[in-house]
Amino acid sequence: MRRPHRNHTAEFKAKVAIAAVKGDQTLVALAARFDGPLWGTRG
């Protein structure tokens, strides 16, 4: 069963972006950390 569509806040997007820029973790690790796929977090 699919999860309902979520609208991410600017604060959440900033946290994900900062974590991604640091490069300490892989995309898969970031997705696990932030609870879900990251490719749908655009504007």
PDB file of N, CA and C in Angstrom:
ATOM      1  N   MET A   1       0.837  -1.186   0.000  1.00  0.00           N
ATOM      2  CA  MET A   1       0.000   0.000   0.000  1.00  0.00           C
ATOM      3  C   MET A   1       0.880   1.248   0.000  1.00  0.00           C
ATOM      4  N   ARG A   2       0.521   2.196  -0.819  1.00  0.00           N
ATOM      5  CA  ARG A   2       1.316   3.421  -0.941  1.00  0.00           C
ATOM      6  C   ARG A   2       1.022   4.384   0.198  1.00  0.00           C
ATOM      7  N   ARG A   3       2.048   5.150   0.542  1.00  0.00           N
ATOM      8  CA  ARG A   3       1.865   6.214   1.531  1.00  0.00           C
ATOM      9  C   ARG A   3       1.223   7.410   0.844  1.00  0.00           C
ATOM     10  N   PRO A   4       0.476   8.207   1.587  1.00  0.00           N
ATOM     11  CA  PRO A   4      -0.084   9.423   0.985  1.00  0.00           C
ATOM     12  C   PRO A   4       1.029  10.410   0.628  1.00  0.00           C
ATOM     13  N   HIS A   5       0.770  11.242  -0.362  1.00  0.00           N
ATOM     14  CA  HIS A   5       1.739  12.253  -0.790  1.00  0.00           C
ATOM     15  C   HIS A   5       2.014  13.218   0.353  1.00  0.00           C
ATOM     16  N   ARG A   6       3.302  13.542   0.537  1.00  0.00           N
ATOM     17  CA  ARG A   6       3.672  14.469   1.604  1.00  0.00           C
ATOM     18  C   ARG A   6       4.260  15.745   1.011  1.00  0.00           C
ATOM     19  N   ASN A   7       3.930  16.850   1.595  1.00  0.00           N
ATOM     20  CA  ASN A   7       4.563  18.118   1.249  1.00  0.00           C
ATOM     21  C   ASN A   7       5.601  18.399   2.328  1.00  0.00           C
ATOM     22  N   HIS A   8       6.854  18.479   1.917  1.00  0.00           N
ATOM     23  CA  HIS A   8       7.934  18.683   2.874  1.00  0.00           C
ATOM     24  C   HIS A   8       8.125  20.176   3.131  1.00  0.00           C
ATOM     25  N   THR A   9       8.392  20.497   4.380  1.00  0.00           N
ATOM     26  CA  THR A   9       8.611  21.885   4.764  1.00  0.00           C
ATOM     27  C   THR A   9       9.986  22.349   4.296  1.00  0.00           C
ATOM     28  N   ALA A  10      10.152  23.638   4.247  1.00  0.00           N
ATOM     29  CA  ALA A  10      11.442  24.209   3.871  1.00  0.00           C
ATOM     30  C   ALA A  10      12.520  23.801   4.870  1.00  0.00           C
ATOM     31  N   GLU A  11      12.156  23.696   6.130  1.00  0.00           N
ATOM     32  CA  GLU A  11      13.109  23.284   7.166  1.00  0.00           C
ATOM     33  C   GLU A  11      13.607  21.857   6.910  1.00  0.00           C
ATOM     34  N   PHE A  12      12.692  20.957   6.572  1.00  0.00           N
ATOM     35  CA  PHE A  12      13.064  19.576   6.277  1.00  0.00           C
ATOM     36  C   PHE A  12      13.986  19.517   5.059  1.00  0.00           C
ATOM     37  N   LYS A  13      13.629  20.251   4.011  1.00  0.00           N
ATOM     38  CA  LYS A  13      14.433  20.258   2.787  1.00  0.00           C
ATOM     39  C   LYS A  13      15.834  20.799   3.052  1.00  0.00           C
ATOM     40  N   ALA A  14      15.922  21.800   3.909  1.00  0.00           N
ATOM     41  CA  ALA A  14      17.227  22.369   4.245  1.00  0.00           C
ATOM     42  C   ALA A  14      18.078  21.348   4.996  1.00  0.00           C
ATOM     43  N   LYS A  15      17.480  20.626   5.931  1.00  0.00           N
ATOM     44  CA  LYS A  15      18.213  19.607   6.678  1.00  0.00           C
ATOM     45  C   LYS A  15      18.746  18.532   5.744  1.00  0.00           C
ATOM     46  N   VAL A  16      17.906  18.083   4.815  1.00  0.00           N
ATOM     47  CA  VAL A  16      18.318  17.053   3.856  1.00  0.00           C
ATOM     48  C   VAL A  16      19.433  17.589   2.961  1.00  0.00           C
ATOM     49  N   ALA A  17      19.284  18.812   2.484  1.00  0.00           N
ATOM     50  CA  ALA A  17      20.296  19.402   1.601  1.00  0.00           C
ATOM     51  C   ALA A  17      21.636  19.544   2.308  1.00  0.00           C
ATOM     52  N   ILE A  18      21.629  20.004   3.532  1.00  0.00           N
ATOM     53  CA  ILE A  18      22.873  20.173   4.283  1.00  0.00           C
ATOM     54  C   ILE A  18      23.535  18.812   4.502  1.00  0.00           C
ATOM     55  N   ALA A  19      22.752  17.806   4.851  1.00  0.00           N
ATOM     56  CA  ALA A  19      23.300  16.468   5.058  1.00  0.00           C
ATOM     57  C   ALA A  19      23.882  15.916   3.760  1.00  0.00           C
ATOM     58  N   ALA A  20      23.220  16.178   2.639  1.00  0.00           N
ATOM     59  CA  ALA A  20      23.694  15.677   1.344  1.00  0.00           C
ATOM     60  C   ALA A  20      24.984  16.381   0.925  1.00  0.00           C
ATOM     61  N   VAL A  21      25.072  17.679   1.164  1.00  0.00           N
ATOM     62  CA  VAL A  21      26.263  18.440   0.775  1.00  0.00           C
ATOM     63  C   VAL A  21      27.473  18.010   1.598  1.00  0.00           C
ATOM     64  N   LYS A  22      27.249  17.671   2.857  1.00  0.00           N
ATOM     65  CA  LYS A  22      28.360  17.218   3.693  1.00  0.00           C
ATOM     66  C   LYS A  22      28.997  15.961   3.103  1.00  0.00           C
ATOM     67  N   GLY A  23      28.184  15.108   2.481  1.00  0.00           N
ATOM     68  CA  GLY A  23      28.708  13.917   1.823  1.00  0.00           C
ATOM     69  C   GLY A  23      29.175  12.821   2.749  1.00  0.00           C
ATOM     70  N   ASP A  24      28.789  12.867   4.009  1.00  0.00           N
ATOM     71  CA  ASP A  24      29.208  11.849   4.970  1.00  0.00           C
ATOM     72  C   ASP A  24      28.477  10.520   4.756  1.00  0.00           C
ATOM     73  N   GLN A  25      27.289  10.577   4.173  1.00  0.00           N
ATOM     74  CA  GLN A  25      26.475   9.382   4.017  1.00  0.00           C
ATOM     75  C   GLN A  25      26.050   9.215   2.562  1.00  0.00           C
ATOM     76  N   THR A  26      25.731   7.980   2.204  1.00  0.00           N
ATOM     77  CA  THR A  26      25.227   7.701   0.866  1.00  0.00           C
ATOM     78  C   THR A  26      23.776   8.159   0.767  1.00  0.00           C
ATOM     79  N   LEU A  27      23.259   8.208  -0.450  1.00  0.00           N
ATOM     80  CA  LEU A  27      21.865   8.588  -0.655  1.00  0.00           C
ATOM     81  C   LEU A  27      20.928   7.614   0.051  1.00  0.00           C
ATOM     82  N   VAL A  28      21.263   6.338   0.023  1.00  0.00           N
ATOM     83  CA  VAL A  28      20.445   5.322   0.686  1.00  0.00           C
ATOM     84  C   VAL A  28      20.429   5.566   2.196  1.00  0.00           C
ATOM     85  N   ALA A  29      21.578   5.886   2.764  1.00  0.00           N
ATOM     86  CA  ALA A  29      21.657   6.153   4.200  1.00  0.00           C
ATOM     87  C   ALA A  29      20.857   7.401   4.569  1.00  0.00           C
ATOM     88  N   LEU A  30      20.940   8.428   3.722  1.00  0.00           N
ATOM     89  CA  LEU A  30      20.165   9.642   3.981  1.00  0.00           C
ATOM     90  C   LEU A  30      18.662   9.360   3.902  1.00  0.00           C
ATOM     91  N   ALA A  31      18.264   8.551   2.940  1.00  0.00           N
ATOM     92  CA  ALA A  31      16.851   8.205   2.802  1.00  0.00           C
ATOM     93  C   ALA A  31      16.357   7.478   4.045  1.00  0.00           C
ATOM     94  N   ALA A  32      17.163   6.573   4.564  1.00  0.00           N
ATOM     95  CA  ALA A  32      16.786   5.851   5.786  1.00  0.00           C
ATOM     96  C   ALA A  32      16.709   6.811   6.972  1.00  0.00           C
ATOM     97  N   ARG A  33      17.653   7.723   7.034  1.00  0.00           N
ATOM     98  CA  ARG A  33      17.701   8.687   8.142  1.00  0.00           C
ATOM     99  C   ARG A  33      16.503   9.629   8.122  1.00  0.00           C
ATOM    100  N   PHE A  34      16.111  10.062   6.925  1.00  0.00           N
ATOM    101  CA  PHE A  34      15.021  11.025   6.806  1.00  0.00           C
ATOM    102  C   PHE A  34      13.688  10.374   6.414  1.00  0.00           C
ATOM    103  N   ASP A  35      13.610   9.047   6.558  1.00  0.00           N
ATOM    104  CA  ASP A  35      12.347   8.306   6.419  1.00  0.00           C
ATOM    105  C   ASP A  35      11.731   8.391   5.020  1.00  0.00           C
ATOM    106  N   GLY A  36      12.443   7.895   4.038  1.00  0.00           N
ATOM    107  CA  GLY A  36      11.838   7.782   2.725  1.00  0.00           C
ATOM    108  C   GLY A  36      12.720   8.238   1.603  1.00  0.00           C
ATOM    109  N   PRO A  37      12.269   8.032   0.351  1.00  0.00           N
ATOM    110  CA  PRO A  37      13.076   8.414  -0.795  1.00  0.00           C
ATOM    111  C   PRO A  37      13.278   9.913  -0.867  1.00  0.00           C
ATOM    112  N   LEU A  38      14.458  10.344  -1.243  1.00  0.00           N
ATOM    113  CA  LEU A  38      14.788  11.766  -1.265  1.00  0.00           C
ATOM    114  C   LEU A  38      14.553  12.392  -2.625  1.00  0.00           C
ATOM    115  N   TRP A  39      14.348  11.579  -3.638  1.00  0.00           N
ATOM    116  CA  TRP A  39      14.209  12.149  -4.971  1.00  0.00           C
ATOM    117  C   TRP A  39      12.890  12.848  -5.169  1.00  0.00           C
ATOM    118  N   GLY A  40      11.966  12.798  -4.217  1.00  0.00           N
ATOM    119  CA  GLY A  40      10.691  13.504  -4.333  1.00  0.00           C
ATOM    120  C   GLY A  40      10.611  14.739  -3.453  1.00  0.00           C
ATOM    121  N   THR A  41      11.736  15.281  -3.019  1.00  0.00           N
ATOM    122  CA  THR A  41      11.704  16.400  -2.074  1.00  0.00           C
ATOM    123  C   THR A  41      11.909  17.749  -2.762  1.00  0.00           C
ATOM    124  N   ARG A  42      11.738  17.792  -4.050  1.00  0.00           N
ATOM    125  CA  ARG A  42      11.955  19.063  -4.764  1.00  0.00           C
ATOM    126  C   ARG A  42      10.844  20.072  -4.463  1.00  0.00           C
ATOM    127  N   GLY A  43      11.133  21.330  -4.702  1.00  0.00           N
ATOM    128  CA  GLY A  43      10.312  22.487  -4.511  1.00  0.00           C
ATOM    129  C   GLY A  43       8.899  22.339  -4.433  1.00  0.00           C
TER     130      GLY A  43
END
